[in-house]
Amino acid sequence: MVTLTKQEHIRLVMEAHYWKSLHERAVVRLERQRQQFQHDLALARQREAELREQLEHERACNRDLRQRVFGQHTEQSRLLSKVQQPTPQPKRPRGQQPGAPGHGRTRLTQLPAREETIELEPAVCPQCGLALKEFPGTQDCEVVEYEVSAWRRVIHRRRYCPTCRCGCLPGIVTAPAPPRLIPMGKLGVSAWVHLLLGKFLHAQPLHRLLQDWEDQGLHLSPGTATEGLHRLAVLFEPLQQALHERLRAHTHWHADETRWEVFAEQEGKVGHRWYLWVFHTPTVAYYVLDPSRSSKVPGSVLEGVDAGILSVDRYAAYKKYATSHPGVQLSFCWAHQRRDFLRVANDHPVLWSWAMGWVQRISELYKLHALRQEAGLGTAEFTACDERLRQAVQVMQHLCEQSLADKELATAARKVLKSLQRHWAGLVVFVEQSWLPLDNNAAERALRLAVVGRKNFYGSGSQWSGEMAATLMSLLMTVKLWKINARTWLSAYLNVCANEGGKPPSDISAFIPWQMNEAQLAAMRAAPAAGGHGFDTS
């Protein structure tokens, strides 16, 4: 039994309170440290997640850039079959099939023939030396040769003197001069046709064309060629105006734009980057060069249009144009939307299966839409395909909304689905308009010529040359739409301009495809007459 004095008891109680207070403070301190640790850990995990996301973003950018530089320039996915349920059928190989009968060598009987006879020399027996007797007939073969050469038209104009005394013909009378495209010009029509087609249809730089002529013995300075092109530009203005009027008469257009350098200073503009726009319809391809990429360009080109459908990508200028023109409805391109999913699949391997699933759904839309168009409006097959198409569209919309509601959805996937949801109204216009294409590939293909030309000769050296490039591309690509031979058409038009004294004809209906009759179209679709391929310099 322990006996404590009162003084000792008080001391022990005080010590107990002291140690208790120390313990409480230690517990509070530990709790604060624990909370601080939890907070720091949360911040560290958040920072780690941000760094991981940033690292994945950088890796995705790296994959994207490597794909653009070193990857295949195609959007066809060979790995798409992995996400398809049915086993894909082996594709039929291209070209002549093994065992199939061929059509034989095509004889180009429309070309002019230059006959040659080859004789055996010496016509003797190699053993005994006796002469060989000629046998009736020949063994024939054909070889196609190609020849382009420059030649001079040396024109002799007869002169006459009057024998009468009536005085109506004073002095010497000379036969009239042949018509020229450019008064006192050096080049004839065929030379200008070759130059215009080479530059504006085949995207050859002017200096390469002139070098080719130099190799054939025809020297022409770049200044002479440039000045001639400048003087010819006015001849095509009435045709370009006719194309513009025809374009605005349509109710559906494809539109796209690409950069085009114009190396000329313009007041108020910094840099040389201009833009070449194209507006494409089944009958017209219309190009416009403009220093800006704003909504004013489609507004000026389609001025006066009250209603229609414009197939475009998701560029903001088209959206702004549609906002100020309520009658024009935008139909967005599914090929661009598909490209977003392909980029996600390439940039983020962990999302490959997810992205390829969406690519497969878009491919199914293309398939059903094609079957619906082949069936024909009003048929039972059309109704069945239309119902399947509408169900597929509804499934895609529901899946998009459901995926966006998932908080665990990856950032890259969420971004592309938000774009899909934001443009959904314009993407499904084709559902009600069965004739409408799903993409904007018509305009993309129409710009291919301009892109090749830009890579070959970088653009234009002045504003007038850029506008002439847009005009010639419009005319030549339009006649191509009508399956007209561009050389035949251009030769005929320039010859008429030459007969008019170097001016455009007053009646251009014979050169407007939709105003031609069947006989005129057939004549324009044929190749030029033999002998019209060379240069004539007069």
Foldseek 3Di string as FASTA:
>chain_A
DDDDDPVVVVVVVVVVVVVVVVVVVVVVVVVVVVVVVVVVVVVVVVVVVVVVLVVLVVLLVVLVVCCVPPNDPDPDDPCLQVLDDDRDDDDDDDDDDPPDDDPDDDDPVVDDDDDDDDDDPPQADPPPGHHDDDDPDDDDDDDDDDDFAEDADDDDWDKADDPDDPPPDPDIHTHDDAFALAVVAFFHLLVVLVQLCCCQVVLADNVVVQVVNVVRPDHDDPVSVVVVLLLQLQQLVVVLVVLLVVLLVDFEKEKDKDWFFAQDDDPPDDHRTWMWMWIDDLQFIAIDIGRDPALVVVCVSNPPRQAHEYEYAPDVRVVVNCVVRVRYAYAHAVVVLLVLLVSCCSSPVVCVSVSSVVNVLSVVLQVLLVQLVVVDPPDPSNVVSLVVNVVSLVVVVVVLVVLCVDPPRDPSVNVSSVVCVVCVVNQCPCSVVSVDDNHSVVRVVLCPSVVSSCVNHVHHHHDSVNRSSSSSSRLQVSVVSLLFDSSLLSSVQSSVCSVVNNHGDPDCLLNRVVSDDPVSRVSRNDDDDPPSNYIYTD
